[in-house]
């Protein structure tokens, strides 16, 4: 008795179950992209780091 017919029936069902999890229930666009204004913006420095960066920038580089 061969199990090939059983495997031929189960493989498409397993593939269907795996692919069913890939859908977006909201139906939105994929992927969501960042706006260029946010992407090209300079990096934000937190307030607690801004005071430290001014201390570090006053030291003279070694020549």
PDB file of N, CA and C in Angstrom:
ATOM      1  N   UNK A   1       0.842  -1.181   0.000  1.00  0.00           N
ATOM      2  CA  UNK A   1       0.000   0.000   0.000  1.00  0.00           C
ATOM      3  C   UNK A   1       0.889   1.247   0.000  1.00  0.00           C
ATOM      4  N   UNK A   2       0.692   2.111  -0.936  1.00  0.00           N
ATOM      5  CA  UNK A   2       1.526   3.297  -1.101  1.00  0.00           C
ATOM      6  C   UNK A   2       0.863   4.511  -0.462  1.00  0.00           C
ATOM      7  N   UNK A   3       1.690   5.409   0.097  1.00  0.00           N
ATOM      8  CA  UNK A   3       1.151   6.620   0.733  1.00  0.00           C
ATOM      9  C   UNK A   3       1.218   7.825  -0.197  1.00  0.00           C
ATOM     10  N   UNK A   4       1.615   7.627  -1.453  1.00  0.00           N
ATOM     11  CA  UNK A   4       1.747   8.739  -2.393  1.00  0.00           C
ATOM     12  C   UNK A   4       0.442   9.480  -2.645  1.00  0.00           C
ATOM     13  N   UNK A   5      -0.695   8.823  -2.838  1.00  0.00           N
ATOM     14  CA  UNK A   5      -1.933   9.576  -3.044  1.00  0.00           C
ATOM     15  C   UNK A   5      -2.298  10.427  -1.825  1.00  0.00           C
ATOM     16  N   UNK A   6      -2.013   9.925  -0.644  1.00  0.00           N
ATOM     17  CA  UNK A   6      -2.297  10.685   0.570  1.00  0.00           C
ATOM     18  C   UNK A   6      -1.414  11.927   0.651  1.00  0.00           C
ATOM     19  N   UNK A   7      -0.142  11.783   0.317  1.00  0.00           N
ATOM     20  CA  UNK A   7       0.784  12.918   0.338  1.00  0.00           C
ATOM     21  C   UNK A   7       0.383  13.941  -0.716  1.00  0.00           C
ATOM     22  N   UNK A   8      -0.036  13.465  -1.887  1.00  0.00           N
ATOM     23  CA  UNK A   8      -0.456  14.378  -2.952  1.00  0.00           C
ATOM     24  C   UNK A   8      -1.689  15.181  -2.557  1.00  0.00           C
ATOM     25  N   UNK A   9      -2.496  14.669  -1.667  1.00  0.00           N
ATOM     26  CA  UNK A   9      -3.662  15.413  -1.193  1.00  0.00           C
ATOM     27  C   UNK A   9      -3.302  16.356  -0.049  1.00  0.00           C
ATOM     28  N   UNK A  10      -2.368  15.956   0.786  1.00  0.00           N
ATOM     29  CA  UNK A  10      -2.039  16.755   1.966  1.00  0.00           C
ATOM     30  C   UNK A  10      -1.115  17.926   1.667  1.00  0.00           C
ATOM     31  N   UNK A  11      -0.230  17.798   0.691  1.00  0.00           N
ATOM     32  CA  UNK A  11       0.717  18.873   0.380  1.00  0.00           C
ATOM     33  C   UNK A  11       0.000  20.149  -0.059  1.00  0.00           C
ATOM     34  N   UNK A  12      -0.960  20.102  -0.985  1.00  0.00           N
ATOM     35  CA  UNK A  12      -1.661  21.349  -1.334  1.00  0.00           C
ATOM     36  C   UNK A  12      -2.457  21.934  -0.167  1.00  0.00           C
ATOM     37  N   UNK A  13      -3.039  21.079   0.657  1.00  0.00           N
ATOM     38  CA  UNK A  13      -3.777  21.581   1.819  1.00  0.00           C
ATOM     39  C   UNK A  13      -2.841  22.252   2.820  1.00  0.00           C
ATOM     40  N   UNK A  14      -1.661  21.680   3.024  1.00  0.00           N
ATOM     41  CA  UNK A  14      -0.687  22.287   3.930  1.00  0.00           C
ATOM     42  C   UNK A  14      -0.185  23.610   3.364  1.00  0.00           C
ATOM     43  N   UNK A  15       0.052  23.667   2.059  1.00  0.00           N
ATOM     44  CA  UNK A  15       0.496  24.917   1.435  1.00  0.00           C
ATOM     45  C   UNK A  15      -0.583  25.982   1.541  1.00  0.00           C
ATOM     46  N   UNK A  16      -1.832  25.604   1.373  1.00  0.00           N
ATOM     47  CA  UNK A  16      -2.936  26.549   1.500  1.00  0.00           C
ATOM     48  C   UNK A  16      -3.029  27.085   2.926  1.00  0.00           C
ATOM     49  N   UNK A  17      -2.826  26.231   3.910  1.00  0.00           N
ATOM     50  CA  UNK A  17      -2.874  26.670   5.305  1.00  0.00           C
ATOM     51  C   UNK A  17      -1.738  27.643   5.615  1.00  0.00           C
ATOM     52  N   UNK A  18      -0.558  27.390   5.074  1.00  0.00           N
ATOM     53  CA  UNK A  18       0.584  28.281   5.302  1.00  0.00           C
ATOM     54  C   UNK A  18       0.355  29.623   4.622  1.00  0.00           C
ATOM     55  N   UNK A  19      -0.118  29.608   3.389  1.00  0.00           N
ATOM     56  CA  UNK A  19      -0.332  30.849   2.653  1.00  0.00           C
ATOM     57  C   UNK A  19      -1.510  31.654   3.192  1.00  0.00           C
ATOM     58  N   UNK A  20      -2.436  31.023   3.859  1.00  0.00           N
ATOM     59  CA  UNK A  20      -3.577  31.746   4.425  1.00  0.00           C
ATOM     60  C   UNK A  20      -3.124  32.690   5.529  1.00  0.00           C
ATOM     61  N   UNK A  21      -2.028  32.390   6.191  1.00  0.00           N
ATOM     62  CA  UNK A  21      -1.508  33.252   7.241  1.00  0.00           C
ATOM     63  C   UNK A  21      -0.752  34.456   6.716  1.00  0.00           C
ATOM     64  N   UNK A  22      -0.505  34.531   5.421  1.00  0.00           N
ATOM     65  CA  UNK A  22       0.264  35.631   4.845  1.00  0.00           C
ATOM     66  C   UNK A  22      -0.586  36.837   4.475  1.00  0.00           C
ATOM     67  N   UNK A  23      -1.882  36.702   4.484  1.00  0.00           N
ATOM     68  CA  UNK A  23      -2.745  37.796   4.055  1.00  0.00           C
ATOM     69  C   UNK A  23      -2.861  38.887   5.105  1.00  0.00           C
ATOM     70  N   UNK A  24      -3.164  40.104   4.666  1.00  0.00           N
ATOM     71  CA  UNK A  24      -3.374  41.237   5.560  1.00  0.00           C
ATOM     72  C   UNK A  24      -4.876  41.429   5.726  1.00  0.00           C
ATOM     73  N   UNK A  25      -5.411  41.191   6.921  1.00  0.00           N
ATOM     74  CA  UNK A  25      -6.856  41.313   7.093  1.00  0.00           C
ATOM     75  C   UNK A  25      -7.365  42.734   6.888  1.00  0.00           C
ATOM     76  N   UNK A  26      -6.532  43.731   7.091  1.00  0.00           N
ATOM     77  CA  UNK A  26      -6.949  45.110   6.893  1.00  0.00           C
ATOM     78  C   UNK A  26      -6.964  45.508   5.429  1.00  0.00           C
ATOM     79  N   UNK A  27      -6.260  44.763   4.605  1.00  0.00           N
ATOM     80  CA  UNK A  27      -6.225  45.058   3.182  1.00  0.00           C
ATOM     81  C   UNK A  27      -5.405  46.286   2.836  1.00  0.00           C
ATOM     82  N   UNK A  28      -4.535  46.722   3.748  1.00  0.00           N
ATOM     83  CA  UNK A  28      -3.733  47.916   3.495  1.00  0.00           C
ATOM     84  C   UNK A  28      -2.584  47.640   2.550  1.00  0.00           C
ATOM     85  N   UNK A  29      -1.940  48.721   2.116  1.00  0.00           N
ATOM     86  CA  UNK A  29      -0.787  48.575   1.237  1.00  0.00           C
ATOM     87  C   UNK A  29       0.375  47.965   2.006  1.00  0.00           C
ATOM     88  N   UNK A  30       1.150  47.163   1.341  1.00  0.00           N
ATOM     89  CA  UNK A  30       2.314  46.546   1.955  1.00  0.00           C
ATOM     90  C   UNK A  30       3.498  46.776   1.054  1.00  0.00           C
ATOM     91  N   UNK A  31       4.603  47.169   1.513  1.00  0.00           N
ATOM     92  CA  UNK A  31       4.931  47.632   2.860  1.00  0.00           C
ATOM     93  C   UNK A  31       4.592  49.103   3.045  1.00  0.00           C
ATOM     94  N   UNK A  32       4.420  49.500   4.283  1.00  0.00           N
ATOM     95  CA  UNK A  32       4.198  50.917   4.581  1.00  0.00           C
ATOM     96  C   UNK A  32       5.542  51.609   4.545  1.00  0.00           C
ATOM     97  N   UNK A  33       5.660  52.611   3.723  1.00  0.00           N
ATOM     98  CA  UNK A  33       6.931  53.308   3.549  1.00  0.00           C
ATOM     99  C   UNK A  33       6.947  54.600   4.356  1.00  0.00           C
ATOM    100  N   UNK A  34       8.147  55.004   4.780  1.00  0.00           N
ATOM    101  CA  UNK A  34       8.300  56.275   5.485  1.00  0.00           C
ATOM    102  C   UNK A  34       8.211  57.424   4.499  1.00  0.00           C
ATOM    103  N   UNK A  35       7.606  58.532   4.900  1.00  0.00           N
ATOM    104  CA  UNK A  35       7.630  59.708   4.031  1.00  0.00           C
ATOM    105  C   UNK A  35       9.061  60.232   3.900  1.00  0.00           C
ATOM    106  N   UNK A  36       9.391  60.817   2.751  1.00  0.00           N
ATOM    107  CA  UNK A  36      10.753  61.312   2.536  1.00  0.00           C
ATOM    108  C   UNK A  36      11.134  62.394   3.533  1.00  0.00           C
ATOM    109  N   UNK A  37      10.175  63.209   3.962  1.00  0.00           N
ATOM    110  CA  UNK A  37      10.493  64.261   4.928  1.00  0.00           C
ATOM    111  C   UNK A  37      10.982  63.661   6.243  1.00  0.00           C
ATOM    112  N   UNK A  38      10.430  62.533   6.629  1.00  0.00           N
ATOM    113  CA  UNK A  38      10.873  61.878   7.862  1.00  0.00           C
ATOM    114  C   UNK A  38      12.168  61.108   7.624  1.00  0.00           C
ATOM    115  N   UNK A  39      12.307  60.538   6.455  1.00  0.00           N
ATOM    116  CA  UNK A  39      13.499  59.759   6.139  1.00  0.00           C
ATOM    117  C   UNK A  39      14.739  60.637   6.018  1.00  0.00           C
ATOM    118  N   UNK A  40      14.584  61.844   5.445  1.00  0.00           N
ATOM    119  CA  UNK A  40      15.712  62.747   5.229  1.00  0.00           C
ATOM    120  C   UNK A  40      15.943  63.721   6.374  1.00  0.00           C
ATOM    121  N   UNK A  41      15.150  63.651   7.427  1.00  0.00           N
ATOM    122  CA  UNK A  41      15.299  64.569   8.554  1.00  0.00           C
ATOM    123  C   UNK A  41      16.599  64.273   9.301  1.00  0.00           C
ATOM    124  N   UNK A  42      17.248  65.305   9.843  1.00  0.00           N
ATOM    125  CA  UNK A  42      18.455  65.055  10.637  1.00  0.00           C
ATOM    126  C   UNK A  42      18.090  64.274  11.895  1.00  0.00           C
ATOM    127  N   UNK A  43      19.009  63.506  12.430  1.00  0.00           N
ATOM    128  CA  UNK A  43      18.695  62.705  13.611  1.00  0.00           C
ATOM    129  C   UNK A  43      18.366  63.589  14.808  1.00  0.00           C
ATOM    130  N   UNK A  44      17.397  63.164  15.569  1.00  0.00           N
ATOM    131  CA  UNK A  44      16.996  63.917  16.757  1.00  0.00           C
ATOM    132  C   UNK A  44      17.918  63.549  17.916  1.00  0.00           C
ATOM    133  N   UNK A  45      18.362  64.546  18.648  1.00  0.00           N
ATOM    134  CA  UNK A  45      19.216  64.326  19.812  1.00  0.00           C
ATOM    135  C   UNK A  45      18.356  64.534  21.053  1.00  0.00           C
ATOM    136  N   UNK A  46      18.277  63.536  21.944  1.00  0.00           N
ATOM    137  CA  UNK A  46      17.483  63.697  23.159  1.00  0.00           C
ATOM    138  C   UNK A  46      18.029  64.827  24.030  1.00  0.00           C
ATOM    139  N   UNK A  47      17.165  65.401  24.857  1.00  0.00           N
ATOM    140  CA  UNK A  47      17.559  66.539  25.689  1.00  0.00           C
ATOM    141  C   UNK A  47      18.705  66.182  26.628  1.00  0.00           C
ATOM    142  N   UNK A  48      18.686  64.989  27.194  1.00  0.00           N
ATOM    143  CA  UNK A  48      19.753  64.622  28.132  1.00  0.00           C
ATOM    144  C   UNK A  48      21.088  64.412  27.416  1.00  0.00           C
ATOM    145  N   UNK A  49      21.056  64.113  26.129  1.00  0.00           N
ATOM    146  CA  UNK A  49      22.295  63.927  25.377  1.00  0.00           C
ATOM    147  C   UNK A  49      22.811  65.247  24.817  1.00  0.00           C
ATOM    148  N   UNK A  50      21.947  66.226  24.649  1.00  0.00           N
ATOM    149  CA  UNK A  50      22.368  67.508  24.083  1.00  0.00           C
ATOM    150  C   UNK A  50      23.342  68.217  25.015  1.00  0.00           C
ATOM    151  N   UNK A  51      23.115  68.145  26.317  1.00  0.00           N
ATOM    152  CA  UNK A  51      24.023  68.808  27.252  1.00  0.00           C
ATOM    153  C   UNK A  51      25.388  68.122  27.259  1.00  0.00           C
ATOM    154  N   UNK A  52      25.425  66.817  27.122  1.00  0.00           N
ATOM    155  CA  UNK A  52      26.697  66.093  27.081  1.00  0.00           C
ATOM    156  C   UNK A  52      27.455  66.377  25.787  1.00  0.00           C
ATOM    157  N   UNK A  53      26.738  66.511  24.677  1.00  0.00           N
ATOM    158  CA  UNK A  53      27.431  66.743  23.409  1.00  0.00           C
ATOM    159  C   UNK A  53      28.108  68.107  23.396  1.00  0.00           C
ATOM    160  N   UNK A  54      27.545  69.095  24.099  1.00  0.00           N
ATOM    161  CA  UNK A  54      28.197  70.402  24.149  1.00  0.00           C
ATOM    162  C   UNK A  54      29.465  70.341  24.993  1.00  0.00           C
ATOM    163  N   UNK A  55      29.499  69.488  25.986  1.00  0.00           N
ATOM    164  CA  UNK A  55      30.705  69.323  26.810  1.00  0.00           C
ATOM    165  C   UNK A  55      31.801  68.649  25.982  1.00  0.00           C
ATOM    166  N   UNK A  56      31.439  67.628  25.236  1.00  0.00           N
ATOM    167  CA  UNK A  56      32.424  66.893  24.443  1.00  0.00           C
ATOM    168  C   UNK A  56      32.953  67.718  23.280  1.00  0.00           C
ATOM    169  N   UNK A  57      32.147  68.602  22.727  1.00  0.00           N
ATOM    170  CA  UNK A  57      32.594  69.353  21.561  1.00  0.00           C
ATOM    171  C   UNK A  57      33.553  70.475  21.932  1.00  0.00           C
ATOM    172  N   UNK A  58      33.671  70.841  23.224  1.00  0.00           N
ATOM    173  CA  UNK A  58      34.583  71.908  23.624  1.00  0.00           C
ATOM    174  C   UNK A  58      36.013  71.420  23.769  1.00  0.00           C
ATOM    175  N   UNK A  59      36.202  70.106  23.870  1.00  0.00           N
ATOM    176  CA  UNK A  59      37.567  69.608  24.009  1.00  0.00           C
ATOM    177  C   UNK A  59      38.278  69.708  22.670  1.00  0.00           C
ATOM    178  N   UNK A  60      39.552  70.055  22.707  1.00  0.00           N
ATOM    179  CA  UNK A  60      40.311  70.232  21.471  1.00  0.00           C
ATOM    180  C   UNK A  60      40.832  68.886  20.993  1.00  0.00           C
ATOM    181  N   UNK A  61      40.842  68.653  19.691  1.00  0.00           N
ATOM    182  CA  UNK A  61      41.364  67.389  19.162  1.00  0.00           C
ATOM    183  C   UNK A  61      42.884  67.340  19.302  1.00  0.00           C
ATOM    184  N   UNK A  62      43.397  66.137  19.434  1.00  0.00           N
ATOM    185  CA  UNK A  62      44.848  65.953  19.553  1.00  0.00           C
ATOM    186  C   UNK A  62      45.500  66.183  18.198  1.00  0.00           C
ATOM    187  N   UNK A  63      46.584  66.911  18.181  1.00  0.00           N
ATOM    188  CA  UNK A  63      47.272  67.203  16.915  1.00  0.00           C
ATOM    189  C   UNK A  63      48.545  66.414  16.826  1.00  0.00           C
TER     190      UNK A  63
END
